Amino acid sequence: MPTAEWIDQDTGHKVVRLTTLDGGNESFYFHNNPFVKGVGTTGDLMVYYHTSPAGKQLCVLNLTTHQSTPLTRSFASVHGEIVAPKRREVFYQVHDTVYATSLDKRQTRRIFVFPADFRADITTLNADETQLGGAWASDAEKEISRQYPAKHDFFSRIYEAKLPRTLFMVNVDKGKLTKLFTDKAWLNHVQFSPTDPRLLMFCHEGPWEKVDRIWTIDTKTKAVRLVHPRTMDREIAGHEWIGASGNTIWFDHQLPRGGPFFVTGTNLKTGQEKKYSLTRDEWSVHYTSSADEQTFAGDGGYPSSVAHSPNGQWIYLFRPEGD
């Protein structure tokens, strides 16, 4: 087990190890919020994955005491990583069944079972915590993934196949499935707005330099909107996330692929864009923003990444300069 805390020799920053369980300990994907306020003075909580010989399960970490406790003890590995801070529940999936477990009482309820003709995965929860969302994939697409499990093998094949995908919602109280939108495109990276219960963001997946990637849909009117049309050959806009205010979609932006590099935000009301320039070494695979969207962080890059950054293997804190 690594040391509980240490001083990084290069930066002088203190690094604290949060998890102490043997086995694999894994944070949520970069745009999924794992944090919940504590009750009283008990300490705030963070939900994370723990993998042992029994499979992948969810655990809860007290950020004050650093004590970890199991949240799920399923017969099979779980996935979903969706925290509902108002309900104080965590939503997740085991095979075809969606569950919710209380963070405080540890009681579990069954939410929904996907029918045999519509097996899909949940990935997001809307702002008023009434609807789960995700994307359904065809059996033909799943067969491509089965035959070619490595990303470099399946990625272009799925993109070029132009198979149908369907965006959907599941009502968490009524267990009702609603199909929202179907397209012969690789609909992916599905995220609800943190403030607008009706706004769902999704992408057209594929080689980023070939797609107009970032889209939204109004789940009530079914109106679909392209957020950022490409403006030049081989332009990249990807790894998008919605800022905490709900007003801006931020994304990794390359003009063209391979640089120059930016973090760009599109205002959802006006369509106006704000670009923050980055050096090659500062480019990151993923970014995130603070609650006030005035500070950003990135997880860096590496020599074989799209940026070919020679000295990019850092965790970055960015404070934008200028307007």
Protein backbone atom coordinates (compact mmCIF):
# COMPACT_ATOMS: atom_id res chain seq x y z
CA MET A 1 0.00 0.00 0.00
CA PRO A 2 1.50 3.41 -0.96
CA THR A 3 2.22 6.03 1.69
CA ALA A 4 -0.88 7.82 3.02
CA GLU A 5 0.51 11.26 2.13
CA TRP A 6 3.65 12.82 0.71
CA ILE A 7 5.11 16.01 -0.74
CA ASP A 8 5.53 15.98 -4.52
CA GLN A 9 9.20 16.75 -5.20
CA ASP A 10 8.54 18.65 -8.43
CA THR A 11 5.74 20.97 -7.32
CA GLY A 12 5.93 21.02 -3.52
CA HIS A 13 2.24 20.15 -3.27
CA LYS A 14 0.97 17.75 -0.64
CA VAL A 15 -0.61 14.58 -2.07
CA VAL A 16 -3.07 12.62 0.08
CA ARG A 17 -4.12 9.05 -0.62
CA LEU A 18 -7.87 8.80 0.06
CA THR A 19 -8.54 5.09 -0.35
CA THR A 20 -6.97 2.35 1.75
CA LEU A 21 -8.81 -0.76 0.56
CA ASP A 22 -6.72 -3.44 -1.10
CA GLY A 23 -7.55 -4.07 -4.74
CA GLY A 24 -8.51 -1.54 -7.39
CA ASN A 25 -9.95 1.83 -6.38
CA GLU A 26 -11.38 3.89 -9.22
CA SER A 27 -12.89 7.37 -9.45
CA PHE A 28 -15.93 8.22 -11.56
CA TYR A 29 -15.65 9.43 -15.16
CA PHE A 30 -14.55 13.05 -15.39
CA HIS A 31 -17.99 14.69 -15.73
CA ASN A 32 -19.81 12.55 -13.14
CA ASN A 33 -20.09 14.14 -9.68
CA PRO A 34 -19.30 11.63 -6.89
CA PHE A 35 -19.75 14.01 -3.92
CA VAL A 36 -22.58 14.36 -1.39
CA LYS A 37 -22.81 16.69 1.60
CA GLY A 38 -22.46 15.02 4.97
CA VAL A 39 -25.20 15.01 7.60
CA GLY A 40 -24.38 17.36 10.47
CA THR A 41 -20.70 17.09 11.34
CA THR A 42 -20.22 13.57 10.03
CA GLY A 43 -18.12 14.64 7.05
CA ASP A 44 -18.84 14.95 3.34
CA LEU A 45 -18.97 11.79 1.23
CA MET A 46 -17.46 10.58 -2.03
CA VAL A 47 -18.69 7.52 -3.92
CA TYR A 48 -16.16 5.45 -5.87
CA TYR A 49 -15.60 2.02 -7.40
CA HIS A 50 -13.72 -0.73 -5.61
CA THR A 51 -12.68 -3.87 -7.48
CA SER A 52 -11.79 -7.11 -5.74
CA PRO A 53 -11.91 -10.77 -6.81
CA ALA A 54 -15.68 -10.54 -6.21
CA GLY A 55 -16.04 -7.88 -8.93
CA LYS A 56 -16.61 -4.13 -9.15
CA GLN A 57 -18.77 -2.60 -6.43
CA LEU A 58 -19.52 0.90 -5.11
CA CYS A 59 -18.02 2.20 -1.87
CA VAL A 60 -18.51 5.41 0.12
CA LEU A 61 -15.56 7.40 1.47
CA ASN A 62 -15.92 9.84 4.36
CA LEU A 63 -13.72 12.77 3.32
CA THR A 64 -13.10 13.77 6.96
CA THR A 65 -12.17 10.41 8.46
CA HIS A 66 -11.03 8.72 5.21
CA GLN A 67 -13.07 5.70 6.29
CA SER A 68 -14.47 3.60 3.41
CA THR A 69 -17.58 1.45 3.65
CA PRO A 70 -19.22 -0.78 1.01
CA LEU A 71 -22.39 0.60 -0.57
CA THR A 72 -23.26 -2.32 -2.86
CA ARG A 73 -22.77 -6.04 -2.36
CA SER A 74 -24.24 -7.26 -5.62
CA PHE A 75 -23.88 -10.77 -7.00
CA ALA A 76 -22.27 -9.23 -10.11
CA SER A 77 -20.24 -6.14 -10.98
CA VAL A 78 -22.17 -2.87 -10.99
CA HIS A 79 -21.95 0.14 -13.31
CA GLY A 80 -23.71 3.47 -13.70
CA GLU A 81 -21.95 5.78 -11.21
CA ILE A 82 -24.86 8.20 -10.78
CA VAL A 83 -25.16 10.10 -7.49
CA ALA A 84 -28.42 11.87 -6.56
CA PRO A 85 -27.43 14.44 -3.90
CA LYS A 86 -31.01 15.58 -3.19
CA ARG A 87 -32.41 12.08 -2.83
CA ARG A 88 -29.16 10.98 -1.15
CA GLU A 89 -29.16 7.87 -3.30
CA VAL A 90 -26.82 6.26 -5.80
CA PHE A 91 -28.25 4.81 -9.02
CA TYR A 92 -26.49 1.92 -10.71
CA GLN A 93 -27.12 -1.10 -12.89
CA VAL A 94 -26.51 -4.84 -12.65
CA HIS A 95 -27.05 -6.62 -15.97
CA ASP A 96 -30.51 -5.48 -17.16
CA THR A 97 -31.74 -4.09 -13.81
CA VAL A 98 -31.43 -0.56 -12.41
CA TYR A 99 -31.26 -0.04 -8.64
CA ALA A 100 -31.01 2.84 -6.17
CA THR A 101 -29.32 2.55 -2.78
CA SER A 102 -29.66 5.07 0.05
CA LEU A 103 -26.38 6.60 1.20
CA ASP A 104 -27.65 6.98 4.77
CA LYS A 105 -29.85 3.94 5.43
CA ARG A 106 -28.25 1.62 2.84
CA GLN A 107 -31.69 0.47 1.72
CA THR A 108 -31.91 -0.65 -1.92
CA ARG A 109 -34.88 -0.47 -4.26
CA ARG A 110 -35.35 -1.77 -7.78
CA ILE A 111 -36.08 1.00 -10.28
CA PHE A 112 -36.45 -0.66 -13.67
CA VAL A 113 -35.75 -3.81 -15.67
CA PHE A 114 -34.89 -3.26 -19.34
CA PRO A 115 -37.03 -5.44 -21.64
CA ALA A 116 -35.33 -8.08 -23.77
CA ASP A 117 -35.83 -6.04 -26.95
CA PHE A 118 -34.35 -2.84 -25.45
CA ARG A 119 -31.30 -3.71 -23.36
CA ALA A 120 -29.49 -0.46 -22.58
CA ASP A 121 -27.37 1.31 -19.96
CA ILE A 122 -28.10 4.32 -17.77
CA THR A 123 -25.45 7.05 -17.66
CA THR A 124 -27.01 10.24 -16.25
CA LEU A 125 -29.70 11.76 -13.98
CA ASN A 126 -31.59 14.98 -14.66
CA ALA A 127 -31.51 18.10 -12.49
CA ASP A 128 -34.71 17.40 -10.51
CA GLU A 129 -33.65 13.75 -10.07
CA THR A 130 -36.78 12.30 -11.69
CA GLN A 131 -35.36 10.87 -14.93
CA LEU A 132 -32.39 8.66 -15.72
CA GLY A 133 -30.98 8.83 -19.23
CA GLY A 134 -28.82 6.83 -21.58
CA ALA A 135 -28.40 5.48 -25.10
CA TRP A 136 -29.55 2.13 -26.52
CA ALA A 137 -27.30 0.29 -28.98
CA SER A 138 -28.35 -2.31 -31.54
CA ASP A 139 -27.37 -5.97 -31.35
CA ALA A 140 -25.29 -5.44 -34.48
CA GLU A 141 -23.21 -2.79 -32.70
CA LYS A 142 -22.80 -4.98 -29.64
CA GLU A 143 -21.54 -7.77 -31.90
CA ILE A 144 -18.86 -5.44 -33.31
CA SER A 145 -17.75 -4.67 -29.75
CA ARG A 146 -17.72 -8.37 -28.89
CA GLN A 147 -15.63 -9.32 -31.92
CA TYR A 148 -13.27 -6.35 -31.58
CA PRO A 149 -12.92 -5.55 -27.86
CA ALA A 150 -9.93 -3.18 -28.22
CA LYS A 151 -10.85 0.47 -28.82
CA HIS A 152 -8.48 0.85 -31.78
CA ASP A 153 -10.30 -2.07 -33.44
CA PHE A 154 -13.96 -1.26 -32.75
CA PHE A 155 -13.92 2.55 -32.85
CA SER A 156 -13.84 3.19 -36.60
CA ARG A 157 -15.93 0.09 -37.32
CA ILE A 158 -18.84 1.28 -35.20
CA TYR A 159 -18.58 4.82 -36.59
CA GLU A 160 -18.57 3.66 -40.20
CA ALA A 161 -21.41 1.15 -39.69
CA LYS A 162 -23.96 3.98 -39.12
CA LEU A 163 -26.16 1.73 -37.01
CA PRO A 164 -29.19 3.12 -35.17
CA ARG A 165 -28.94 4.31 -31.60
CA THR A 166 -31.77 5.59 -29.40
CA LEU A 167 -31.69 8.11 -26.56
CA PHE A 168 -34.06 7.24 -23.72
CA MET A 169 -35.24 8.18 -20.23
CA VAL A 170 -36.45 6.09 -17.29
CA ASN A 171 -38.70 7.69 -14.67
CA VAL A 172 -37.14 6.77 -11.32
CA ASP A 173 -40.44 6.78 -9.39
CA LYS A 174 -42.76 5.20 -11.96
CA GLY A 175 -40.30 2.91 -13.74
CA LYS A 176 -41.50 4.21 -17.10
CA LEU A 177 -39.29 4.00 -20.21
CA THR A 178 -39.49 6.87 -22.73
CA LYS A 179 -37.70 6.71 -26.08
CA LEU A 180 -36.58 10.20 -27.09
CA PHE A 181 -34.66 10.17 -30.35
CA THR A 182 -33.25 7.65 -32.84
CA ASP A 183 -30.57 8.31 -35.43
CA LYS A 184 -28.26 6.24 -37.60
CA ALA A 185 -25.30 7.67 -35.73
CA TRP A 186 -23.22 6.65 -32.74
CA LEU A 187 -25.12 8.63 -30.07
CA ASN A 188 -22.97 8.65 -26.95
CA HIS A 189 -21.57 10.62 -23.98
CA VAL A 190 -25.08 11.31 -22.67
CA GLN A 191 -25.30 13.95 -19.92
CA PHE A 192 -28.24 15.81 -18.40
CA SER A 193 -27.89 19.50 -17.58
CA PRO A 194 -27.18 20.12 -13.87
CA THR A 195 -29.84 22.87 -13.80
CA ASP A 196 -32.41 22.30 -16.60
CA PRO A 197 -34.34 19.04 -16.05
CA ARG A 198 -35.38 18.95 -19.73
CA LEU A 199 -31.98 19.44 -21.35
CA LEU A 200 -29.99 16.38 -22.38
CA MET A 201 -26.58 16.65 -24.06
CA PHE A 202 -25.21 13.90 -26.28
CA CYS A 203 -22.56 13.45 -28.92
CA HIS A 204 -22.10 11.94 -32.36
CA GLU A 205 -19.22 9.62 -31.51
CA GLY A 206 -16.49 8.71 -33.95
CA PRO A 207 -13.15 10.13 -35.06
CA TRP A 208 -13.46 13.64 -33.67
CA GLU A 209 -12.01 15.34 -36.74
CA LYS A 210 -14.82 13.81 -38.84
CA VAL A 211 -17.92 14.59 -36.77
CA ASP A 212 -20.04 17.53 -35.68
CA ARG A 213 -19.95 16.08 -32.21
CA ILE A 214 -21.83 18.07 -29.55
CA TRP A 215 -25.67 18.15 -29.54
CA THR A 216 -28.58 18.73 -27.16
CA ILE A 217 -32.20 17.59 -27.08
CA ASP A 218 -35.15 19.08 -25.21
CA THR A 219 -36.74 15.99 -23.66
CA LYS A 220 -40.21 17.59 -23.72
CA THR A 221 -40.34 19.04 -27.25
CA LYS A 222 -37.79 16.57 -28.74
CA ALA A 223 -36.04 19.52 -30.44
CA VAL A 224 -32.45 18.59 -31.36
CA ARG A 225 -29.73 21.23 -31.68
CA LEU A 226 -26.12 21.17 -32.86
CA VAL A 227 -24.07 23.08 -30.27
CA HIS A 228 -20.79 23.62 -32.12
CA PRO A 229 -20.58 23.19 -35.91
CA ARG A 230 -17.05 22.59 -37.17
CA THR A 231 -15.49 25.62 -38.86
CA MET A 232 -12.47 24.06 -40.61
CA ASP A 233 -11.13 20.75 -41.90
CA ARG A 234 -10.04 18.32 -39.14
CA GLU A 235 -11.32 20.55 -36.35
CA ILE A 236 -11.79 18.74 -33.04
CA ALA A 237 -14.39 19.43 -30.34
CA GLY A 238 -14.77 16.71 -27.73
CA HIS A 239 -14.85 15.42 -24.15
CA GLU A 240 -17.61 17.91 -23.51
CA TRP A 241 -19.19 18.69 -20.16
CA ILE A 242 -21.84 21.12 -18.91
CA GLY A 243 -20.68 23.74 -16.41
CA ALA A 244 -22.28 23.89 -12.98
CA SER A 245 -24.36 26.96 -13.92
CA GLY A 246 -26.00 25.01 -16.75
CA ASN A 247 -25.32 27.94 -19.09
CA THR A 248 -22.20 26.71 -20.88
CA ILE A 249 -21.01 23.53 -22.56
CA TRP A 250 -17.21 23.30 -22.31
CA PHE A 251 -15.00 21.10 -24.49
CA ASP A 252 -11.51 20.23 -25.67
CA HIS A 253 -11.05 22.27 -28.86
CA GLN A 254 -8.31 21.85 -31.45
CA LEU A 255 -8.02 24.04 -34.56
CA PRO A 256 -7.17 21.72 -36.30
CA ARG A 257 -6.46 18.29 -34.77
CA GLY A 258 -3.03 18.39 -33.14
CA GLY A 259 -3.12 22.10 -32.25
CA PRO A 260 -3.49 24.97 -31.55
CA PHE A 261 -5.30 23.91 -28.37
CA PHE A 262 -8.15 25.53 -26.45
CA VAL A 263 -10.74 24.92 -23.77
CA THR A 264 -13.83 26.44 -25.37
CA GLY A 265 -17.25 27.15 -23.91
CA THR A 266 -20.48 27.65 -25.89
CA ASN A 267 -23.20 29.68 -24.19
CA LEU A 268 -26.42 27.70 -24.56
CA LYS A 269 -28.61 30.81 -24.66
CA THR A 270 -26.64 33.05 -27.03
CA GLY A 271 -24.42 30.61 -28.92
CA GLN A 272 -21.43 32.85 -28.20
CA GLU A 273 -18.14 31.06 -27.58
CA LYS A 274 -15.26 31.76 -25.22
CA LYS A 275 -11.83 30.26 -25.94
CA TYR A 276 -8.97 29.76 -23.48
CA SER A 277 -5.65 28.99 -25.16
CA LEU A 278 -3.33 26.22 -23.93
CA THR A 279 0.21 25.20 -24.75
CA ARG A 280 0.95 21.77 -26.17
CA ASP A 281 2.14 20.48 -22.80
CA GLU A 282 -0.92 21.91 -21.04
CA TRP A 283 -3.34 20.05 -23.31
CA SER A 284 -5.23 17.41 -21.33
CA VAL A 285 -7.24 14.33 -22.21
CA HIS A 286 -10.02 15.51 -19.88
CA TYR A 287 -10.87 18.82 -18.25
CA THR A 288 -13.27 19.92 -15.55
CA SER A 289 -14.41 23.22 -14.05
CA SER A 290 -15.06 24.59 -10.58
CA ALA A 291 -18.54 25.43 -9.32
CA ASP A 292 -18.18 29.07 -10.43
CA GLU A 293 -16.56 28.04 -13.75
CA GLN A 294 -13.65 30.41 -13.10
CA THR A 295 -11.06 27.71 -12.47
CA PHE A 296 -10.32 24.62 -14.57
CA ALA A 297 -8.32 21.44 -14.11
CA GLY A 298 -6.82 18.99 -16.58
CA ASP A 299 -5.29 15.53 -16.34
CA GLY A 300 -2.47 16.17 -18.81
CA GLY A 301 -1.29 14.30 -21.88
CA TYR A 302 1.61 12.15 -23.04
CA PRO A 303 3.97 11.84 -26.02
CA SER A 304 1.76 9.39 -27.96
CA SER A 305 -1.45 11.40 -27.44
CA VAL A 306 -3.03 13.63 -30.07
CA ALA A 307 -1.01 16.57 -28.72
CA HIS A 308 2.29 14.63 -28.73
CA SER A 309 3.14 16.60 -25.59
CA PRO A 310 6.75 15.94 -24.52
CA ASN A 311 6.18 17.12 -20.94
CA GLY A 312 2.45 16.85 -20.37
CA GLN A 313 2.10 14.20 -17.68
CA TRP A 314 0.85 16.50 -14.95
CA ILE A 315 -2.36 17.29 -13.12
CA TYR A 316 -3.03 20.91 -14.07
CA LEU A 317 -4.85 23.78 -12.37
CA PHE A 318 -5.81 26.54 -14.82
CA ARG A 319 -6.81 30.10 -13.91
CA PRO A 320 -7.94 31.86 -17.10
CA GLU A 321 -6.47 35.25 -17.93
CA GLY A 322 -8.51 37.89 -19.74
CA ASP A 323 -12.21 37.86 -20.62
